[in-house]
Protein backbone atom coordinates (compact mmCIF):
# COMPACT_ATOMS: atom_id res chain seq x y z
CA UNK A 1 -23.91 30.05 11.67
CA UNK A 2 -25.16 31.55 8.40
CA UNK A 3 -22.99 31.65 5.29
CA UNK A 4 -22.91 35.48 5.31
CA UNK A 5 -21.74 35.52 8.93
CA UNK A 6 -19.04 32.97 8.15
CA UNK A 7 -17.87 35.02 5.19
CA UNK A 8 -17.68 38.18 7.30
CA UNK A 9 -15.64 36.45 9.97
CA UNK A 10 -13.23 34.87 7.49
CA UNK A 11 -12.81 38.07 5.48
CA UNK A 12 -11.81 39.91 8.65
CA UNK A 13 -8.92 37.48 9.11
CA UNK A 14 -6.71 38.33 6.14
CA UNK A 15 -3.94 35.94 7.19
CA UNK A 16 -6.31 33.01 6.73
CA UNK A 17 -7.89 31.47 3.64
CA UNK A 18 -11.52 30.51 3.00
CA UNK A 19 -10.64 27.15 1.50
CA UNK A 20 -14.11 25.90 0.67
CA UNK A 21 -15.24 29.30 -0.63
CA UNK A 22 -12.77 31.53 -2.42
CA UNK A 23 -10.76 28.85 -4.19
CA UNK A 24 -13.84 27.56 -5.97
CA UNK A 25 -14.28 30.99 -7.49
CA UNK A 26 -12.89 31.78 -10.91
CA UNK A 27 -11.68 35.28 -11.59
CA UNK A 28 -14.61 37.18 -13.00
CA UNK A 29 -17.09 35.66 -10.57
CA UNK A 30 -17.70 32.26 -12.19
CA UNK A 31 -17.63 29.35 -9.79
CA UNK A 32 -15.21 26.63 -10.81
CA UNK A 33 -15.48 23.99 -8.08
CA UNK A 34 -19.23 23.63 -7.61
CA UNK A 35 -21.74 24.88 -5.01
CA UNK A 36 -20.79 26.06 -1.54
CA UNK A 37 -21.59 23.80 1.37
CA UNK A 38 -19.96 25.81 4.15
CA UNK A 39 -16.88 27.76 5.10
CA UNK A 40 -13.89 26.46 6.99
CA UNK A 41 -11.35 29.04 8.10
CA UNK A 42 -7.84 27.64 7.80
CA UNK A 43 -4.41 28.92 6.93
CA UNK A 44 -3.60 28.57 3.23
CA UNK A 45 -0.27 27.16 2.13
CA UNK A 46 1.49 28.39 -0.99
CA UNK A 47 3.44 26.18 -3.36
CA UNK A 48 5.63 26.83 -6.39
CA UNK A 49 5.37 24.28 -9.20
CA UNK A 50 7.31 23.78 -12.42
CA UNK A 51 5.91 21.45 -15.06
CA UNK A 52 2.43 22.44 -13.91
CA UNK A 53 0.88 21.83 -17.34
CA UNK A 54 2.28 18.32 -17.64
CA UNK A 55 0.58 14.99 -16.98
CA UNK A 56 1.39 14.97 -13.25
CA UNK A 57 1.60 18.72 -12.75
CA UNK A 58 -1.98 19.37 -13.88
CA UNK A 59 -3.35 16.87 -11.40
CA UNK A 60 -1.13 18.16 -8.60
CA UNK A 61 -2.28 21.76 -9.15
CA UNK A 62 -5.91 20.62 -9.18
CA UNK A 63 -5.41 18.69 -5.95
CA UNK A 64 -3.70 21.56 -4.14
CA UNK A 65 -6.40 24.01 -5.19
CA UNK A 66 -9.17 21.62 -4.16
CA UNK A 67 -7.90 21.59 -0.60
CA UNK A 68 -7.57 25.37 -0.48
CA UNK A 69 -3.91 25.98 -1.22
CA UNK A 70 -2.39 28.60 -3.52
CA UNK A 71 -0.09 27.70 -6.38
CA UNK A 72 2.60 29.77 -8.06
CA UNK A 73 3.04 28.33 -11.53
CA UNK A 74 6.65 28.69 -12.69
CA UNK A 75 6.53 28.48 -16.46
CA UNK A 76 8.35 29.42 -19.64
CA UNK A 77 5.09 30.48 -21.33
CA UNK A 78 2.55 32.26 -19.11
CA UNK A 79 -0.13 32.54 -21.79
CA UNK A 80 0.03 28.85 -22.62
CA UNK A 81 -0.03 27.89 -18.95
CA UNK A 82 -3.05 30.10 -18.28
CA UNK A 83 -4.92 28.66 -21.25
CA UNK A 84 -4.35 25.12 -19.97
CA UNK A 85 -4.83 25.64 -16.24
CA UNK A 86 -7.43 28.41 -16.26
CA UNK A 87 -7.58 31.67 -14.36
CA UNK A 88 -8.32 31.21 -10.66
CA UNK A 89 -7.75 33.35 -7.60
CA UNK A 90 -5.53 30.60 -6.19
CA UNK A 91 -3.22 30.57 -9.24
CA UNK A 92 -0.39 32.99 -9.98
CA UNK A 93 1.86 32.70 -13.02
CA UNK A 94 5.56 33.57 -13.22
CA UNK A 95 7.72 33.63 -16.33
CA UNK A 96 11.24 32.26 -15.98
CA UNK A 97 12.90 35.60 -15.27
CA UNK A 98 10.49 36.03 -12.32
CA UNK A 99 10.77 32.55 -10.83
CA UNK A 100 12.65 33.93 -7.84
CA UNK A 101 9.60 35.98 -6.86
CA UNK A 102 7.40 32.92 -7.33
CA UNK A 103 9.57 30.89 -4.97
CA UNK A 104 9.85 33.51 -2.23
CA UNK A 105 7.81 32.63 0.85
CA UNK A 106 6.39 29.34 -0.42
CA UNK A 107 6.09 26.27 1.76
CA UNK A 108 7.52 24.01 -0.92
CA UNK A 109 8.89 24.04 -4.45
CA UNK A 110 7.87 21.09 -6.63
CA UNK A 111 9.96 20.62 -9.74
CA UNK A 112 8.28 18.50 -12.43
CA UNK A 113 9.86 20.04 -15.52
CA UNK A 114 11.51 18.01 -18.28
CA UNK A 115 11.31 17.36 -22.01
CA UNK A 116 9.67 14.05 -23.10
CA UNK A 117 12.08 11.16 -23.52
CA UNK A 118 9.89 8.72 -25.50
CA UNK A 119 11.30 9.67 -28.88
CA UNK A 120 14.31 8.86 -31.03
CA UNK A 121 17.44 10.11 -29.29
CA UNK A 122 19.56 12.17 -31.62
CA UNK A 123 22.45 14.02 -30.04
CA UNK A 124 20.33 17.17 -30.09
CA UNK A 125 17.40 15.42 -28.37
CA UNK A 126 19.73 13.98 -25.73
CA UNK A 127 21.02 17.46 -25.02
CA UNK A 128 17.42 18.71 -24.61
CA UNK A 129 16.60 15.81 -22.30
CA UNK A 130 19.59 16.61 -20.10
CA UNK A 131 19.36 20.41 -20.18
CA UNK A 132 15.61 20.54 -19.52
CA UNK A 133 16.17 18.56 -16.34
CA UNK A 134 19.61 19.38 -15.03
CA UNK A 135 19.84 23.06 -16.03
CA UNK A 136 16.28 23.86 -14.93
CA UNK A 137 16.83 22.15 -11.58
CA UNK A 138 20.13 23.93 -11.05
CA UNK A 139 18.46 27.25 -11.85
CA UNK A 140 15.78 26.53 -9.25
CA UNK A 141 18.37 25.42 -6.70
CA UNK A 142 20.31 28.65 -7.14
CA UNK A 143 17.14 30.71 -6.70
CA UNK A 144 16.23 28.78 -3.56
CA UNK A 145 19.68 29.33 -2.05
CA UNK A 146 19.47 33.07 -2.72
CA UNK A 147 15.88 33.51 -1.52
CA UNK A 148 15.24 35.49 1.64
CA UNK A 149 12.42 33.26 2.89
CA UNK A 150 13.37 29.78 1.80
CA UNK A 151 10.88 26.97 1.24
CA UNK A 152 10.76 24.20 3.81
CA UNK A 153 10.93 21.49 1.17
CA UNK A 154 12.22 21.06 -2.37
CA UNK A 155 10.63 18.06 -4.12
CA UNK A 156 12.45 17.55 -7.38
CA UNK A 157 11.61 15.04 -10.05
CA UNK A 158 13.96 12.24 -11.01
CA UNK A 159 13.34 8.87 -12.62
CA UNK A 160 13.86 5.16 -12.07
CA UNK A 161 16.26 5.38 -14.99
CA UNK A 162 18.74 6.21 -12.21
CA UNK A 163 19.21 2.45 -11.68
CA UNK A 164 19.92 1.44 -15.24
CA UNK A 165 18.15 -1.66 -16.58
CA UNK A 166 17.97 -5.31 -15.57
CA UNK A 167 15.61 -8.26 -16.02
CA UNK A 168 16.58 -10.01 -12.79
CA UNK A 169 17.62 -7.38 -10.24
CA UNK A 170 15.29 -5.60 -7.82
CA UNK A 171 16.07 -1.97 -7.06
CA UNK A 172 15.30 0.10 -3.97
CA UNK A 173 16.44 3.58 -2.95
CA UNK A 174 19.58 1.98 -1.53
CA UNK A 175 20.64 0.48 -4.88
CA UNK A 176 23.57 1.84 -6.84
CA UNK A 177 23.11 3.87 -10.00
CA UNK A 178 23.42 2.51 -13.51
CA UNK A 179 25.92 3.64 -16.12
CA UNK A 180 23.83 4.39 -19.23
CA UNK A 181 22.70 7.76 -20.59
CA UNK A 182 19.54 8.05 -18.49
CA UNK A 183 21.33 7.00 -15.32
CA UNK A 184 23.92 9.73 -15.91
CA UNK A 185 21.16 12.29 -16.49
CA UNK A 186 19.40 11.26 -13.29
CA UNK A 187 22.59 11.51 -11.23
CA UNK A 188 23.28 15.03 -12.48
CA UNK A 189 19.60 15.92 -12.07
CA UNK A 190 19.57 14.88 -8.42
CA UNK A 191 22.93 16.50 -7.71
CA UNK A 192 21.52 19.80 -8.94
CA UNK A 193 18.54 19.44 -6.59
CA UNK A 194 20.72 18.75 -3.56
CA UNK A 195 22.73 21.88 -4.27
CA UNK A 196 19.70 23.92 -3.16
CA UNK A 197 20.65 23.05 0.39
CA UNK A 198 23.64 22.21 2.51
CA UNK A 199 22.23 18.68 2.51
CA UNK A 200 24.06 15.77 1.00
CA UNK A 201 22.20 13.03 -0.86
CA UNK A 202 20.45 12.34 2.44
CA UNK A 203 18.25 15.33 1.56
CA UNK A 204 18.23 16.68 5.10
CA UNK A 205 18.81 20.42 5.15
CA UNK A 206 20.72 22.27 7.82
CA UNK A 207 18.26 24.72 9.30
CA UNK A 208 18.45 28.10 7.60
CA UNK A 209 20.96 26.82 5.05
CA UNK A 210 18.31 25.32 2.85
CA UNK A 211 15.25 23.14 2.52
CA UNK A 212 14.77 19.44 3.03
CA UNK A 213 15.30 17.88 -0.42
CA UNK A 214 13.39 14.94 -1.88
CA UNK A 215 14.29 13.45 -5.27
CA UNK A 216 11.27 11.53 -6.51
CA UNK A 217 12.38 8.73 -8.84
CA UNK A 218 9.23 8.25 -10.88
CA UNK A 219 8.24 5.18 -12.87
CA UNK A 220 5.70 4.85 -15.68
CA UNK A 221 2.74 7.07 -14.80
CA UNK A 222 -0.68 5.61 -15.61
CA UNK A 223 -3.35 8.00 -16.87
CA UNK A 224 -5.48 8.07 -20.00
CA UNK A 225 -4.40 11.70 -20.51
CA UNK A 226 -0.82 10.88 -21.45
CA UNK A 227 2.21 8.68 -20.91
CA UNK A 228 2.33 5.05 -21.94
CA UNK A 229 -1.44 4.52 -21.90
CA UNK A 230 -2.01 7.32 -24.40
CA UNK A 231 0.10 5.29 -26.85
CA UNK A 232 -0.97 1.75 -25.97
CA UNK A 233 -4.73 2.04 -25.43
CA UNK A 234 -5.63 3.01 -29.04
CA UNK A 235 -3.65 0.05 -30.37
CA UNK A 236 -5.43 -2.39 -28.08
CA UNK A 237 -8.83 -0.85 -28.83
CA UNK A 238 -8.26 -1.57 -32.53
CA UNK A 239 -7.08 -5.14 -31.80
CA UNK A 240 -3.47 -4.48 -32.82
CA UNK A 241 -1.93 -4.25 -29.38
CA UNK A 242 0.74 -6.66 -28.20
CA UNK A 243 3.78 -6.77 -25.91
CA UNK A 244 6.97 -5.08 -27.07
CA UNK A 245 10.23 -6.97 -27.23
CA UNK A 246 10.63 -10.15 -25.20
CA UNK A 247 7.81 -9.18 -22.85
CA UNK A 248 9.92 -10.25 -19.88
CA UNK A 249 11.19 -6.76 -19.11
CA UNK A 250 9.76 -5.23 -15.95
CA UNK A 251 7.50 -2.18 -15.96
CA UNK A 252 7.61 -0.24 -12.72
CA UNK A 253 4.45 1.83 -12.83
CA UNK A 254 2.39 4.13 -10.62
CA UNK A 255 -1.14 5.49 -10.95
CA UNK A 256 -1.14 9.26 -11.36
CA UNK A 257 -3.37 9.79 -8.31
CA UNK A 258 -0.96 7.85 -6.11
CA UNK A 259 1.98 9.84 -7.44
CA UNK A 260 0.25 13.13 -6.63
CA UNK A 261 -0.55 11.84 -3.15
CA UNK A 262 3.07 10.79 -2.71
CA UNK A 263 4.32 14.25 -3.72
CA UNK A 264 2.09 15.77 -1.03
CA UNK A 265 3.26 13.19 1.52
CA UNK A 266 6.89 14.02 0.73
CA UNK A 267 6.12 17.65 1.51
CA UNK A 268 4.15 17.11 4.70
CA UNK A 269 6.10 14.25 6.28
CA UNK A 270 9.60 15.32 7.31
CA UNK A 271 10.73 11.69 7.39
CA UNK A 272 10.91 11.83 3.60
CA UNK A 273 14.32 13.06 2.45
CA UNK A 274 16.77 12.10 -0.26
CA UNK A 275 15.71 9.61 -2.96
CA UNK A 276 12.15 8.26 -2.94
CA UNK A 277 10.92 5.75 -5.52
CA UNK A 278 7.67 6.92 -7.11
CA UNK A 279 6.43 3.49 -8.14
CA UNK A 280 3.68 1.09 -7.05
CA UNK A 281 4.55 -1.86 -4.78
CA UNK A 282 3.80 -4.46 -7.48
CA UNK A 283 5.80 -3.97 -10.71
CA UNK A 284 4.86 -6.32 -13.55
CA UNK A 285 6.42 -7.61 -16.74
CA UNK A 286 5.49 -6.23 -20.14
CA UNK A 287 3.62 -9.49 -20.84
CA UNK A 288 1.55 -9.18 -17.67
CA UNK A 289 0.88 -5.48 -18.30
CA UNK A 290 -0.31 -6.17 -21.86
CA UNK A 291 -2.47 -9.12 -20.80
CA UNK A 292 -4.12 -7.01 -18.09
CA UNK A 293 -4.66 -4.04 -20.39
CA UNK A 294 -6.32 -6.31 -22.96
CA UNK A 295 -8.53 -7.77 -20.23
CA UNK A 296 -9.55 -4.37 -18.89
CA UNK A 297 -10.34 -3.06 -22.38
CA UNK A 298 -12.07 -6.34 -23.32
CA UNK A 299 -9.90 -6.65 -26.38
CA UNK A 300 -8.19 -9.99 -27.00
CA UNK A 301 -4.61 -9.97 -28.23
CA UNK A 302 -4.16 -11.73 -31.55
CA UNK A 303 -0.74 -10.49 -32.61
CA UNK A 304 2.63 -11.84 -31.44
CA UNK A 305 5.05 -9.60 -29.52
CA UNK A 306 6.70 -6.84 -31.54
CA UNK A 307 10.34 -7.90 -32.08
CA UNK A 308 13.25 -5.76 -30.94
CA UNK A 309 14.62 -4.79 -34.35
CA UNK A 310 11.82 -2.51 -35.67
CA UNK A 311 11.65 -0.73 -32.32
CA UNK A 312 15.40 -0.19 -32.37
CA UNK A 313 15.18 1.17 -35.91
CA UNK A 314 12.34 3.50 -34.91
CA UNK A 315 13.73 4.76 -31.59
CA UNK A 316 17.46 4.13 -31.85
CA UNK A 317 19.13 4.38 -28.44
CA UNK A 318 15.78 5.43 -26.98
CA UNK A 319 14.50 1.88 -27.51
CA UNK A 320 15.97 1.09 -24.10
CA UNK A 321 12.83 2.66 -22.62
CA UNK A 322 10.57 -0.11 -23.90
CA UNK A 323 12.87 -3.06 -24.57
CA UNK A 324 14.68 -3.02 -21.25
CA UNK A 325 13.24 -2.33 -17.86
CA UNK A 326 13.85 -2.36 -14.15
CA UNK A 327 12.01 -3.86 -11.20
CA UNK A 328 11.77 -1.00 -8.71
CA UNK A 329 10.21 -1.20 -5.25
CA UNK A 330 9.10 1.91 -3.29
CA UNK A 331 10.80 0.73 -0.11
CA UNK A 332 11.01 4.12 1.58
CA UNK A 333 7.33 4.95 1.05
CA UNK A 334 6.29 1.49 2.21
CA UNK A 335 8.51 1.64 5.29
CA UNK A 336 7.01 5.03 6.18
CA UNK A 337 3.47 3.70 5.90
CA UNK A 338 2.34 5.40 2.69
CA UNK A 339 -1.01 3.96 1.59
CA UNK A 340 -1.21 3.27 -2.12
CA UNK A 341 -4.74 3.43 -3.49
CA UNK A 342 -3.66 1.34 -6.47
CA UNK A 343 -1.20 -1.38 -5.45
CA UNK A 344 -2.05 -3.87 -8.20
CA UNK A 345 -2.03 -3.34 -11.93
CA UNK A 346 -5.59 -4.51 -12.67
CA UNK A 347 -7.30 -2.02 -10.36
CA UNK A 348 -4.96 0.73 -11.54
CA UNK A 349 -5.66 0.11 -15.22
CA UNK A 350 -9.40 -0.22 -14.67
CA UNK A 351 -9.43 3.31 -13.33
CA UNK A 352 -6.71 4.86 -15.47
CA UNK A 353 -8.19 3.94 -18.85
CA UNK A 354 -11.49 5.61 -17.91
CA UNK A 355 -10.66 8.66 -15.82
């Protein structure tokens, strides 16, 4: 069948989407995803995403578009979001007062919003950390409950900070919560997400009463475009990198590509509900992470570990993020057969520092 015939057939079926054709086309006629190789007529899904310009959100939007889906970007700044994500037929942008319209009729809402936490925690910063997560999630939950055509799934971000910190304990989704600031934030964050449905913390909705809810407790995301590697790689490249603190604290990490794949799996597999740990199967200590990063970058470490005190002076209460850790296992994802592309830290870092 010729390309023109395929286009004519797919255009006559308005309820379907030409995934390998129209979504590679920028508005204005410029092609954004490369040359056409054929046309597959399939139904397009539509997703609403907050935090779409962030480290994970950007990659998620790119992935959804590449497979032919449409994305409603829920943002506080439409112009900024457009400048970062581009203008494509598959993208629509909604300012906060219009988020309800952006949610209506979508297959899933993915909530990735939240202010950065890797800074010194003043009382004002702590309020921003909490409000940007809890209040935004509650706002979304209220909109979902009041929507006429509710999404099937609500995937809402959380963090492994839910468990508190420990050098010797291993945490799974069944573990109890901690009792520090971040643990309290995570508990309130997840509670807000569950309020979008009649579900309890099991995440299983009750038919028309709301969506299935997944709270994705994310670890340290590995990508050269942000997160911990954005801070550590330059230091190691200039031969001044070293472990922080004792080096014995665990780092529960995940490659960004695996996290995006896990988000999609949480949407498409109804067995995922309630808390899901967004971490790789093989957490490592700070010492092991630093040794592997030095090896991958081919930069030997000459300096001793950075002691606790200067980090505590620099970050205050926020020093807990780097001086204390938690060993978190993605038990639910593993039990459900999720295939991690990057299970071990060496392979993950080899890719993450380059792409």
